[in-house]
Amino acid sequence: MLLDQYLRKTFNRKQGPKKDSKFKSVAKAFSWRVLGTLDTIVISYFITGELKMAFSIGSIEVFSKILLYYVHERIWERFTIKNHAHELERSDSVPA
């Protein structure tokens, strides 16, 4: 009950239109990762028929997905910075 009240207060703070708190974003990230891992475990169990193997696959998947997400974000960051730099160059140039 106490945790429920704390979470309700935390999530219902007024921070402007469509802006989540950092705590809510972290909570959503963790809950999404847990849900994704449970999905992998269930699918692995259906394919292999072995609970131990399914949990092994799920436990490896957690770390591989975190690593892949980090690499993915860094690659996108490079493209975002390059595109932003090109937009600045174009806006600084004077048309002839």
N, C-alpha and C. Protein backbone atom coordinates (compact mmCIF):
# COMPACT_ATOMS: atom_id res chain seq x y z
N MET A 1 0.81 -1.19 0.00
CA MET A 1 0.00 0.00 0.00
C MET A 1 0.86 1.26 0.00
N LEU A 2 1.90 1.27 0.80
CA LEU A 2 2.75 2.46 0.85
C LEU A 2 3.47 2.68 -0.48
N LEU A 3 3.96 1.59 -1.06
CA LEU A 3 4.65 1.71 -2.35
C LEU A 3 3.68 2.21 -3.42
N ASP A 4 2.45 1.72 -3.39
CA ASP A 4 1.44 2.16 -4.35
C ASP A 4 1.21 3.67 -4.24
N GLN A 5 1.10 4.18 -3.04
CA GLN A 5 0.88 5.62 -2.84
C GLN A 5 2.08 6.43 -3.32
N TYR A 6 3.29 5.95 -3.01
CA TYR A 6 4.50 6.65 -3.43
C TYR A 6 4.59 6.70 -4.96
N LEU A 7 4.33 5.55 -5.62
CA LEU A 7 4.40 5.51 -7.08
C LEU A 7 3.33 6.40 -7.71
N ARG A 8 2.14 6.41 -7.14
CA ARG A 8 1.07 7.25 -7.68
C ARG A 8 1.46 8.73 -7.59
N LYS A 9 2.03 9.14 -6.45
CA LYS A 9 2.46 10.54 -6.30
C LYS A 9 3.60 10.86 -7.27
N THR A 10 4.55 9.93 -7.40
CA THR A 10 5.69 10.16 -8.28
C THR A 10 5.27 10.28 -9.73
N PHE A 11 4.38 9.41 -10.19
CA PHE A 11 3.98 9.40 -11.59
C PHE A 11 3.00 10.51 -11.93
N ASN A 12 2.31 11.07 -10.96
CA ASN A 12 1.28 12.07 -11.24
C ASN A 12 1.76 13.50 -11.04
N ARG A 13 3.03 13.70 -10.89
CA ARG A 13 3.56 15.07 -10.75
C ARG A 13 3.32 15.84 -12.03
N LYS A 14 3.02 17.11 -11.87
CA LYS A 14 2.80 17.98 -13.03
C LYS A 14 4.16 18.51 -13.49
N GLN A 15 4.59 18.12 -14.69
CA GLN A 15 5.87 18.56 -15.21
C GLN A 15 5.73 19.14 -16.61
N GLY A 16 4.58 19.63 -16.94
CA GLY A 16 4.39 20.16 -18.28
C GLY A 16 3.78 19.10 -19.17
N PRO A 17 3.46 19.50 -20.38
CA PRO A 17 2.78 18.58 -21.28
C PRO A 17 3.68 17.44 -21.75
N LYS A 18 3.19 16.21 -21.62
CA LYS A 18 3.83 15.02 -22.16
C LYS A 18 5.26 14.81 -21.70
N LYS A 19 5.59 15.18 -20.48
CA LYS A 19 6.95 15.00 -20.00
C LYS A 19 6.93 14.07 -18.79
N ASP A 20 7.58 12.90 -18.92
CA ASP A 20 7.66 11.94 -17.83
C ASP A 20 8.84 12.29 -16.92
N SER A 21 8.71 11.89 -15.67
CA SER A 21 9.82 12.09 -14.74
C SER A 21 10.94 11.11 -15.10
N LYS A 22 12.15 11.39 -14.65
CA LYS A 22 13.28 10.49 -14.89
C LYS A 22 13.04 9.16 -14.21
N PHE A 23 12.46 9.20 -13.01
CA PHE A 23 12.15 7.97 -12.28
C PHE A 23 11.20 7.10 -13.08
N LYS A 24 10.18 7.71 -13.67
CA LYS A 24 9.20 6.95 -14.45
C LYS A 24 9.87 6.33 -15.68
N SER A 25 10.76 7.08 -16.32
CA SER A 25 11.47 6.55 -17.49
C SER A 25 12.33 5.36 -17.12
N VAL A 26 13.03 5.44 -15.99
CA VAL A 26 13.86 4.32 -15.53
C VAL A 26 12.98 3.13 -15.18
N ALA A 27 11.87 3.38 -14.48
CA ALA A 27 10.95 2.30 -14.11
C ALA A 27 10.39 1.63 -15.36
N LYS A 28 10.04 2.41 -16.37
CA LYS A 28 9.52 1.86 -17.62
C LYS A 28 10.59 1.04 -18.34
N ALA A 29 11.84 1.51 -18.33
CA ALA A 29 12.93 0.79 -18.98
C ALA A 29 13.14 -0.57 -18.32
N PHE A 30 13.16 -0.60 -17.00
CA PHE A 30 13.34 -1.87 -16.29
C PHE A 30 12.16 -2.80 -16.51
N SER A 31 10.95 -2.27 -16.44
CA SER A 31 9.78 -3.14 -16.62
C SER A 31 9.73 -3.69 -18.05
N TRP A 32 10.13 -2.88 -19.02
CA TRP A 32 10.17 -3.35 -20.40
C TRP A 32 11.21 -4.44 -20.58
N ARG A 33 12.38 -4.27 -19.96
CA ARG A 33 13.43 -5.28 -20.07
C ARG A 33 12.99 -6.60 -19.42
N VAL A 34 12.33 -6.52 -18.26
CA VAL A 34 11.83 -7.71 -17.59
C VAL A 34 10.79 -8.41 -18.47
N LEU A 35 9.87 -7.65 -19.03
CA LEU A 35 8.85 -8.21 -19.90
C LEU A 35 9.48 -8.87 -21.12
N GLY A 36 10.46 -8.22 -21.72
CA GLY A 36 11.15 -8.79 -22.88
C GLY A 36 11.87 -10.08 -22.54
N THR A 37 12.50 -10.12 -21.38
CA THR A 37 13.21 -11.32 -20.96
C THR A 37 12.24 -12.47 -20.67
N LEU A 38 11.13 -12.16 -20.02
CA LEU A 38 10.12 -13.19 -19.78
C LEU A 38 9.58 -13.75 -21.09
N ASP A 39 9.40 -12.88 -22.08
CA ASP A 39 8.95 -13.31 -23.39
C ASP A 39 9.96 -14.27 -24.01
N THR A 40 11.24 -13.93 -23.91
CA THR A 40 12.29 -14.79 -24.45
C THR A 40 12.30 -16.14 -23.74
N ILE A 41 12.12 -16.14 -22.42
CA ILE A 41 12.11 -17.39 -21.66
C ILE A 41 10.94 -18.27 -22.09
N VAL A 42 9.77 -17.67 -22.24
CA VAL A 42 8.58 -18.44 -22.65
C VAL A 42 8.77 -19.02 -24.04
N ILE A 43 9.24 -18.20 -24.97
CA ILE A 43 9.46 -18.69 -26.34
C ILE A 43 10.52 -19.79 -26.35
N SER A 44 11.59 -19.60 -25.58
CA SER A 44 12.65 -20.61 -25.51
C SER A 44 12.13 -21.91 -24.93
N TYR A 45 11.24 -21.81 -23.94
CA TYR A 45 10.66 -23.02 -23.35
C TYR A 45 9.79 -23.76 -24.37
N PHE A 46 8.99 -23.02 -25.13
CA PHE A 46 8.16 -23.67 -26.15
C PHE A 46 9.00 -24.37 -27.22
N ILE A 47 10.12 -23.76 -27.56
CA ILE A 47 10.98 -24.33 -28.60
C ILE A 47 11.78 -25.52 -28.08
N THR A 48 12.39 -25.37 -26.90
CA THR A 48 13.28 -26.41 -26.38
C THR A 48 12.55 -27.44 -25.52
N GLY A 49 11.49 -27.03 -24.85
CA GLY A 49 10.80 -27.93 -23.93
C GLY A 49 11.54 -28.13 -22.62
N GLU A 50 12.59 -27.36 -22.41
CA GLU A 50 13.40 -27.49 -21.18
C GLU A 50 13.42 -26.16 -20.45
N LEU A 51 12.96 -26.17 -19.20
CA LEU A 51 12.90 -24.95 -18.41
C LEU A 51 14.30 -24.40 -18.11
N LYS A 52 15.24 -25.29 -17.80
CA LYS A 52 16.61 -24.86 -17.49
C LYS A 52 17.24 -24.17 -18.71
N MET A 53 17.02 -24.73 -19.88
CA MET A 53 17.56 -24.13 -21.11
C MET A 53 16.90 -22.79 -21.38
N ALA A 54 15.60 -22.70 -21.14
CA ALA A 54 14.87 -21.46 -21.38
C ALA A 54 15.41 -20.34 -20.48
N PHE A 55 15.64 -20.65 -19.20
CA PHE A 55 16.19 -19.64 -18.30
C PHE A 55 17.63 -19.28 -18.66
N SER A 56 18.39 -20.24 -19.15
CA SER A 56 19.75 -19.95 -19.60
C SER A 56 19.74 -18.98 -20.77
N ILE A 57 18.88 -19.24 -21.73
CA ILE A 57 18.76 -18.34 -22.89
C ILE A 57 18.29 -16.96 -22.44
N GLY A 58 17.31 -16.91 -21.56
CA GLY A 58 16.81 -15.63 -21.06
C GLY A 58 17.85 -14.83 -20.32
N SER A 59 18.68 -15.52 -19.52
CA SER A 59 19.70 -14.80 -18.75
C SER A 59 20.80 -14.24 -19.66
N ILE A 60 21.12 -14.95 -20.71
CA ILE A 60 22.11 -14.44 -21.67
C ILE A 60 21.51 -13.27 -22.45
N GLU A 61 20.24 -13.40 -22.80
CA GLU A 61 19.55 -12.39 -23.60
C GLU A 61 19.52 -11.04 -22.91
N VAL A 62 19.35 -11.03 -21.59
CA VAL A 62 19.31 -9.75 -20.86
C VAL A 62 20.56 -8.93 -21.15
N PHE A 63 21.70 -9.54 -21.00
CA PHE A 63 22.96 -8.81 -21.18
C PHE A 63 23.25 -8.51 -22.64
N SER A 64 22.92 -9.44 -23.53
CA SER A 64 23.19 -9.17 -24.95
C SER A 64 22.30 -8.03 -25.46
N LYS A 65 21.05 -7.97 -25.01
CA LYS A 65 20.16 -6.90 -25.46
C LYS A 65 20.60 -5.54 -24.91
N ILE A 66 21.07 -5.51 -23.68
CA ILE A 66 21.57 -4.25 -23.12
C ILE A 66 22.79 -3.78 -23.92
N LEU A 67 23.70 -4.69 -24.23
CA LEU A 67 24.88 -4.34 -25.01
C LEU A 67 24.49 -3.88 -26.42
N LEU A 68 23.60 -4.62 -27.06
CA LEU A 68 23.16 -4.23 -28.40
C LEU A 68 22.46 -2.87 -28.39
N TYR A 69 21.65 -2.62 -27.38
CA TYR A 69 20.97 -1.33 -27.29
C TYR A 69 21.98 -0.20 -27.14
N TYR A 70 23.01 -0.39 -26.32
CA TYR A 70 24.03 0.63 -26.13
C TYR A 70 24.74 0.93 -27.45
N VAL A 71 25.15 -0.12 -28.16
CA VAL A 71 25.83 0.06 -29.45
C VAL A 71 24.90 0.77 -30.43
N HIS A 72 23.66 0.36 -30.47
CA HIS A 72 22.65 0.98 -31.34
C HIS A 72 22.51 2.47 -31.04
N GLU A 73 22.43 2.82 -29.77
CA GLU A 73 22.31 4.23 -29.37
C GLU A 73 23.53 5.04 -29.79
N ARG A 74 24.72 4.46 -29.61
CA ARG A 74 25.95 5.19 -29.96
C ARG A 74 26.02 5.42 -31.48
N ILE A 75 25.60 4.43 -32.27
CA ILE A 75 25.59 4.60 -33.72
C ILE A 75 24.61 5.69 -34.12
N TRP A 76 23.41 5.67 -33.53
CA TRP A 76 22.42 6.72 -33.83
C TRP A 76 22.93 8.08 -33.40
N GLU A 77 23.64 8.14 -32.30
CA GLU A 77 24.19 9.42 -31.83
C GLU A 77 25.17 9.99 -32.85
N ARG A 78 25.99 9.15 -33.45
CA ARG A 78 26.93 9.62 -34.47
C ARG A 78 26.19 10.23 -35.66
N PHE A 79 25.15 9.55 -36.12
CA PHE A 79 24.38 10.06 -37.26
C PHE A 79 23.64 11.33 -36.88
N THR A 80 23.14 11.41 -35.68
CA THR A 80 22.42 12.60 -35.23
C THR A 80 23.36 13.80 -35.18
N ILE A 81 24.55 13.61 -34.66
CA ILE A 81 25.52 14.70 -34.57
C ILE A 81 25.93 15.15 -35.98
N LYS A 82 26.18 14.19 -36.88
CA LYS A 82 26.57 14.55 -38.24
C LYS A 82 25.45 15.30 -38.95
N ASN A 83 24.23 14.84 -38.82
CA ASN A 83 23.11 15.52 -39.46
C ASN A 83 22.90 16.91 -38.88
N HIS A 84 23.05 17.04 -37.58
CA HIS A 84 22.91 18.34 -36.94
C HIS A 84 23.99 19.30 -37.43
N ALA A 85 25.22 18.80 -37.58
CA ALA A 85 26.31 19.64 -38.08
C ALA A 85 26.04 20.09 -39.51
N HIS A 86 25.52 19.18 -40.34
CA HIS A 86 25.21 19.54 -41.73
C HIS A 86 24.08 20.57 -41.79
N GLU A 87 23.10 20.46 -40.92
CA GLU A 87 22.01 21.43 -40.89
C GLU A 87 22.53 22.80 -40.48
N LEU A 88 23.47 22.83 -39.53
CA LEU A 88 24.05 24.11 -39.12
C LEU A 88 24.84 24.74 -40.26
N GLU A 89 25.60 23.91 -41.01
CA GLU A 89 26.36 24.43 -42.13
C GLU A 89 25.44 25.01 -43.19
N ARG A 90 24.35 24.33 -43.47
CA ARG A 90 23.41 24.81 -44.49
C ARG A 90 22.72 26.08 -44.04
N SER A 91 22.40 26.22 -42.77
CA SER A 91 21.71 27.42 -42.31
C SER A 91 22.65 28.61 -42.23
N ASP A 92 23.97 28.36 -42.10
CA ASP A 92 24.93 29.46 -42.03
C ASP A 92 25.29 29.99 -43.41
N SER A 93 25.12 29.17 -44.44
CA SER A 93 25.51 29.60 -45.78
C SER A 93 24.46 30.57 -46.35
N VAL A 94 24.96 31.49 -47.13
CA VAL A 94 24.09 32.50 -47.74
C VAL A 94 23.84 32.09 -49.18
N PRO A 95 22.59 32.02 -49.61
CA PRO A 95 22.31 31.63 -51.00
C PRO A 95 22.83 32.68 -51.98
N ALA A 96 23.33 32.22 -53.12
CA ALA A 96 23.88 33.14 -54.11
C ALA A 96 22.83 33.76 -54.96
